[in-house]
Amino acid sequence: MNCTRHIDSSAVGQCSDCKCGLCSICLSEYSIPICENCNSYRIKNEKKSIYKDFFFMYGFGIVLSYFMIKYKIFLADGTMPYKGIMLWVFCIFTFAALYAGWKTLSILPYNLFSWLPFIGPVIFISIKIGLTVFIGPLMIPIRTFMNLKRLFELKN
């Protein structure tokens, strides 16, 4: 079998994704044995995932903030906690924090409560929502920085 990129070189390994032949030059190009096409496909998918994360974190916050302000959904006593641009920033930050916290807590193992047949999922979701409220505001800048850093790495 010959290398798919260097036709005259014999293959010494395979791409871990598409199983095409790779010569020693292509094999040492990346940290894992992967061809150029599969690597660009992985980069494209990772960028798409990061953009989706930004959309859900900030775009969803903007949309929910718009409806919250338009239909005057405020505090229980009917007062508005902030005015003007501060209301938008507060709403976007709140919804972004909920998404960032929920996404961060997705590492929690569900099987901790699976032994409780009916109440287990309710307990699990309640704990996750409670932790999301506290962890979310801390995770917004961390997740944003990590995503931006990864985008710059993928660009280079």
C-alpha atoms as a PDB file:
ATOM      1  CA  MET A   1       0.000   0.000   0.000  1.00  0.00           C
ATOM      2  CA  ASN A   2       1.274   3.495  -0.824  1.00  0.00           C
ATOM      3  CA  CYS A   3       0.769   6.823   0.935  1.00  0.00           C
ATOM      4  CA  THR A   4      -2.330   8.663  -0.257  1.00  0.00           C
ATOM      5  CA  ARG A   5      -0.557  12.046  -0.364  1.00  0.00           C
ATOM      6  CA  HIS A   6       2.899  10.925  -1.508  1.00  0.00           C
ATOM      7  CA  ILE A   7       2.118   8.320  -4.179  1.00  0.00           C
ATOM      8  CA  ASP A   8       5.733   7.200  -4.649  1.00  0.00           C
ATOM      9  CA  SER A   9       6.296   6.493  -0.891  1.00  0.00           C
ATOM     10  CA  SER A  10       5.217   3.265   0.720  1.00  0.00           C
ATOM     11  CA  ALA A  11       2.823   3.432   3.644  1.00  0.00           C
ATOM     12  CA  VAL A  12       4.142   2.638   7.123  1.00  0.00           C
ATOM     13  CA  GLY A  13       0.913   3.417   8.992  1.00  0.00           C
ATOM     14  CA  GLN A  14      -2.793   4.145   8.660  1.00  0.00           C
ATOM     15  CA  CYS A  15      -5.007   7.119   9.341  1.00  0.00           C
ATOM     16  CA  SER A  16      -6.918   6.483  12.543  1.00  0.00           C
ATOM     17  CA  ASP A  17     -10.149   7.782  10.978  1.00  0.00           C
ATOM     18  CA  CYS A  18     -10.307   6.688   7.329  1.00  0.00           C
ATOM     19  CA  LYS A  19      -7.648   3.906   7.409  1.00  0.00           C
ATOM     20  CA  CYS A  20      -5.803   5.272   4.346  1.00  0.00           C
ATOM     21  CA  GLY A  21      -2.079   4.652   4.050  1.00  0.00           C
ATOM     22  CA  LEU A  22       0.422   7.155   5.479  1.00  0.00           C
ATOM     23  CA  CYS A  23       4.166   7.379   4.811  1.00  0.00           C
ATOM     24  CA  SER A  24       6.683   8.253   7.544  1.00  0.00           C
ATOM     25  CA  ILE A  25       6.506  11.972   6.655  1.00  0.00           C
ATOM     26  CA  CYS A  26       2.700  12.092   6.912  1.00  0.00           C
ATOM     27  CA  LEU A  27       2.757   9.906  10.017  1.00  0.00           C
ATOM     28  CA  SER A  28       4.972  12.351  11.901  1.00  0.00           C
ATOM     29  CA  GLU A  29       3.049  15.464  10.794  1.00  0.00           C
ATOM     30  CA  TYR A  30       0.447  15.312  13.615  1.00  0.00           C
ATOM     31  CA  SER A  31       0.550  13.928  17.140  1.00  0.00           C
ATOM     32  CA  ILE A  32      -1.770  11.081  16.157  1.00  0.00           C
ATOM     33  CA  PRO A  33      -1.703   9.070  12.929  1.00  0.00           C
ATOM     34  CA  ILE A  34      -4.206  11.007  10.836  1.00  0.00           C
ATOM     35  CA  CYS A  35      -4.312  12.163   7.227  1.00  0.00           C
ATOM     36  CA  GLU A  36      -4.615  15.795   6.168  1.00  0.00           C
ATOM     37  CA  ASN A  37      -8.262  15.458   5.060  1.00  0.00           C
ATOM     38  CA  CYS A  38      -9.427  13.842   8.290  1.00  0.00           C
ATOM     39  CA  ASN A  39      -7.510  16.396  10.363  1.00  0.00           C
ATOM     40  CA  SER A  40      -9.168  19.308   8.539  1.00  0.00           C
ATOM     41  CA  TYR A  41     -12.548  17.580   9.019  1.00  0.00           C
ATOM     42  CA  ARG A  42     -11.888  17.290  12.768  1.00  0.00           C
ATOM     43  CA  ILE A  43     -10.853  20.948  12.968  1.00  0.00           C
ATOM     44  CA  LYS A  44     -13.998  22.017  11.101  1.00  0.00           C
ATOM     45  CA  ASN A  45     -16.211  20.008  13.464  1.00  0.00           C
ATOM     46  CA  GLU A  46     -14.455  21.363  16.546  1.00  0.00           C
ATOM     47  CA  LYS A  47     -14.886  24.945  15.315  1.00  0.00           C
ATOM     48  CA  LYS A  48     -18.552  24.247  14.656  1.00  0.00           C
ATOM     49  CA  SER A  49     -18.929  22.914  18.199  1.00  0.00           C
ATOM     50  CA  ILE A  50     -17.267  26.012  19.683  1.00  0.00           C
ATOM     51  CA  TYR A  51     -19.456  28.373  17.631  1.00  0.00           C
ATOM     52  CA  LYS A  52     -22.526  26.411  18.738  1.00  0.00           C
ATOM     53  CA  ASP A  53     -21.397  26.766  22.337  1.00  0.00           C
ATOM     54  CA  PHE A  54     -21.063  30.545  21.892  1.00  0.00           C
ATOM     55  CA  PHE A  55     -24.473  30.719  20.242  1.00  0.00           C
ATOM     56  CA  PHE A  56     -26.208  28.870  23.043  1.00  0.00           C
ATOM     57  CA  MET A  57     -24.346  30.780  25.721  1.00  0.00           C
ATOM     58  CA  TYR A  58     -24.782  34.318  24.373  1.00  0.00           C
ATOM     59  CA  GLY A  59     -27.263  34.132  21.485  1.00  0.00           C
ATOM     60  CA  PHE A  60     -29.843  32.280  23.531  1.00  0.00           C
ATOM     61  CA  GLY A  61     -29.301  34.803  26.319  1.00  0.00           C
ATOM     62  CA  ILE A  62     -29.931  37.690  23.936  1.00  0.00           C
ATOM     63  CA  VAL A  63     -33.131  36.135  22.575  1.00  0.00           C
ATOM     64  CA  LEU A  64     -34.499  35.304  26.028  1.00  0.00           C
ATOM     65  CA  SER A  65     -33.546  38.770  27.263  1.00  0.00           C
ATOM     66  CA  TYR A  66     -35.437  40.356  24.385  1.00  0.00           C
ATOM     67  CA  PHE A  67     -38.635  38.484  25.243  1.00  0.00           C
ATOM     68  CA  MET A  68     -38.175  39.084  28.943  1.00  0.00           C
ATOM     69  CA  ILE A  69     -37.849  42.834  28.389  1.00  0.00           C
ATOM     70  CA  LYS A  70     -40.550  43.044  25.706  1.00  0.00           C
ATOM     71  CA  TYR A  71     -43.176  41.265  27.794  1.00  0.00           C
ATOM     72  CA  LYS A  72     -42.004  42.915  31.011  1.00  0.00           C
ATOM     73  CA  ILE A  73     -41.163  39.731  32.867  1.00  0.00           C
ATOM     74  CA  PHE A  74     -39.386  41.110  35.885  1.00  0.00           C
ATOM     75  CA  LEU A  75     -39.303  40.502  39.608  1.00  0.00           C
ATOM     76  CA  ALA A  76     -42.280  39.048  41.454  1.00  0.00           C
ATOM     77  CA  ASP A  77     -43.385  42.442  42.744  1.00  0.00           C
ATOM     78  CA  GLY A  78     -43.408  43.860  39.191  1.00  0.00           C
ATOM     79  CA  THR A  79     -40.365  46.059  39.594  1.00  0.00           C
ATOM     80  CA  MET A  80     -37.450  46.149  37.196  1.00  0.00           C
ATOM     81  CA  PRO A  81     -34.084  45.355  38.840  1.00  0.00           C
ATOM     82  CA  TYR A  82     -32.072  47.410  36.316  1.00  0.00           C
ATOM     83  CA  LYS A  83     -32.768  50.024  33.664  1.00  0.00           C
ATOM     84  CA  GLY A  84     -31.736  50.266  30.005  1.00  0.00           C
ATOM     85  CA  ILE A  85     -28.528  48.625  28.905  1.00  0.00           C
ATOM     86  CA  MET A  86     -27.838  47.257  32.379  1.00  0.00           C
ATOM     87  CA  LEU A  87     -31.037  45.211  32.142  1.00  0.00           C
ATOM     88  CA  TRP A  88     -29.820  43.671  28.878  1.00  0.00           C
ATOM     89  CA  VAL A  89     -26.394  42.906  30.325  1.00  0.00           C
ATOM     90  CA  PHE A  90     -27.929  41.405  33.470  1.00  0.00           C
ATOM     91  CA  CYS A  91     -30.341  39.196  31.485  1.00  0.00           C
ATOM     92  CA  ILE A  92     -27.721  38.023  28.989  1.00  0.00           C
ATOM     93  CA  PHE A  93     -25.279  37.282  31.806  1.00  0.00           C
ATOM     94  CA  THR A  94     -27.934  35.349  33.722  1.00  0.00           C
ATOM     95  CA  PHE A  95     -28.955  33.152  30.799  1.00  0.00           C
ATOM     96  CA  ALA A  96     -25.336  32.665  29.713  1.00  0.00           C
ATOM     97  CA  ALA A  97     -24.468  31.648  33.269  1.00  0.00           C
ATOM     98  CA  LEU A  98     -27.230  29.043  33.301  1.00  0.00           C
ATOM     99  CA  TYR A  99     -25.976  27.511  30.063  1.00  0.00           C
ATOM    100  CA  ALA A 100     -22.303  27.631  31.099  1.00  0.00           C
ATOM    101  CA  GLY A 101     -23.065  26.043  34.468  1.00  0.00           C
ATOM    102  CA  TRP A 102     -25.271  23.338  32.967  1.00  0.00           C
ATOM    103  CA  LYS A 103     -22.669  22.503  30.311  1.00  0.00           C
ATOM    104  CA  THR A 104     -19.907  22.352  32.917  1.00  0.00           C
ATOM    105  CA  LEU A 105     -21.932  20.086  35.186  1.00  0.00           C
ATOM    106  CA  SER A 106     -22.608  17.641  32.352  1.00  0.00           C
ATOM    107  CA  ILE A 107     -19.687  15.631  33.744  1.00  0.00           C
ATOM    108  CA  LEU A 108     -21.769  14.646  36.768  1.00  0.00           C
ATOM    109  CA  PRO A 109     -22.529  10.920  36.620  1.00  0.00           C
ATOM    110  CA  TYR A 110     -26.245  10.234  36.369  1.00  0.00           C
ATOM    111  CA  ASN A 111     -25.836   6.728  37.784  1.00  0.00           C
ATOM    112  CA  LEU A 112     -25.387   8.133  41.319  1.00  0.00           C
ATOM    113  CA  PHE A 113     -29.169   8.303  41.581  1.00  0.00           C
ATOM    114  CA  SER A 114     -30.165   5.550  39.160  1.00  0.00           C
ATOM    115  CA  TRP A 115     -30.829   3.136  42.010  1.00  0.00           C
ATOM    116  CA  LEU A 116     -33.869   5.246  42.972  1.00  0.00           C
ATOM    117  CA  PRO A 117     -36.423   4.270  40.316  1.00  0.00           C
ATOM    118  CA  PHE A 118     -38.802   7.242  40.251  1.00  0.00           C
ATOM    119  CA  ILE A 119     -37.325   9.930  42.463  1.00  0.00           C
ATOM    120  CA  GLY A 120     -33.710   9.476  41.284  1.00  0.00           C
ATOM    121  CA  PRO A 121     -33.988  11.578  38.109  1.00  0.00           C
ATOM    122  CA  VAL A 122     -35.849  14.313  39.998  1.00  0.00           C
ATOM    123  CA  ILE A 123     -33.140  14.464  42.674  1.00  0.00           C
ATOM    124  CA  PHE A 124     -30.393  14.464  40.037  1.00  0.00           C
ATOM    125  CA  ILE A 125     -31.954  17.299  38.002  1.00  0.00           C
ATOM    126  CA  SER A 126     -32.687  19.312  41.155  1.00  0.00           C
ATOM    127  CA  ILE A 127     -29.098  19.039  42.353  1.00  0.00           C
ATOM    128  CA  LYS A 128     -27.779  19.895  38.893  1.00  0.00           C
ATOM    129  CA  ILE A 129     -30.014  22.980  38.610  1.00  0.00           C
ATOM    130  CA  GLY A 130     -29.029  24.106  42.101  1.00  0.00           C
ATOM    131  CA  LEU A 131     -25.320  23.754  41.355  1.00  0.00           C
ATOM    132  CA  THR A 132     -25.773  25.437  37.968  1.00  0.00           C
ATOM    133  CA  VAL A 133     -26.965  28.634  39.638  1.00  0.00           C
ATOM    134  CA  PHE A 134     -23.773  28.851  41.710  1.00  0.00           C
ATOM    135  CA  ILE A 135     -21.199  27.500  39.246  1.00  0.00           C
ATOM    136  CA  GLY A 136     -22.553  29.223  36.113  1.00  0.00           C
ATOM    137  CA  PRO A 137     -21.386  32.791  36.847  1.00  0.00           C
ATOM    138  CA  LEU A 138     -17.898  31.484  37.600  1.00  0.00           C
ATOM    139  CA  MET A 139     -17.760  29.408  34.431  1.00  0.00           C
ATOM    140  CA  ILE A 140     -18.781  32.093  31.894  1.00  0.00           C
ATOM    141  CA  PRO A 141     -15.345  33.760  31.687  1.00  0.00           C
ATOM    142  CA  ILE A 142     -13.535  30.428  31.956  1.00  0.00           C
ATOM    143  CA  ARG A 143     -15.535  28.756  29.176  1.00  0.00           C
ATOM    144  CA  THR A 144     -15.336  31.878  26.997  1.00  0.00           C
ATOM    145  CA  PHE A 145     -11.559  32.115  27.448  1.00  0.00           C
ATOM    146  CA  MET A 146     -11.050  28.392  26.809  1.00  0.00           C
ATOM    147  CA  ASN A 147     -13.194  28.493  23.653  1.00  0.00           C
ATOM    148  CA  LEU A 148     -11.469  31.599  22.292  1.00  0.00           C
ATOM    149  CA  LYS A 149      -8.049  30.144  23.042  1.00  0.00           C
ATOM    150  CA  ARG A 150      -8.958  26.913  21.259  1.00  0.00           C
ATOM    151  CA  LEU A 151     -10.286  28.844  18.231  1.00  0.00           C
ATOM    152  CA  PHE A 152      -6.977  30.703  17.928  1.00  0.00           C
ATOM    153  CA  GLU A 153      -5.085  27.397  18.222  1.00  0.00           C
ATOM    154  CA  LEU A 154      -7.224  25.852  15.497  1.00  0.00           C
ATOM    155  CA  LYS A 155      -6.691  28.876  13.269  1.00  0.00           C
ATOM    156  CA  ASN A 156      -2.929  28.362  13.451  1.00  0.00           C
END
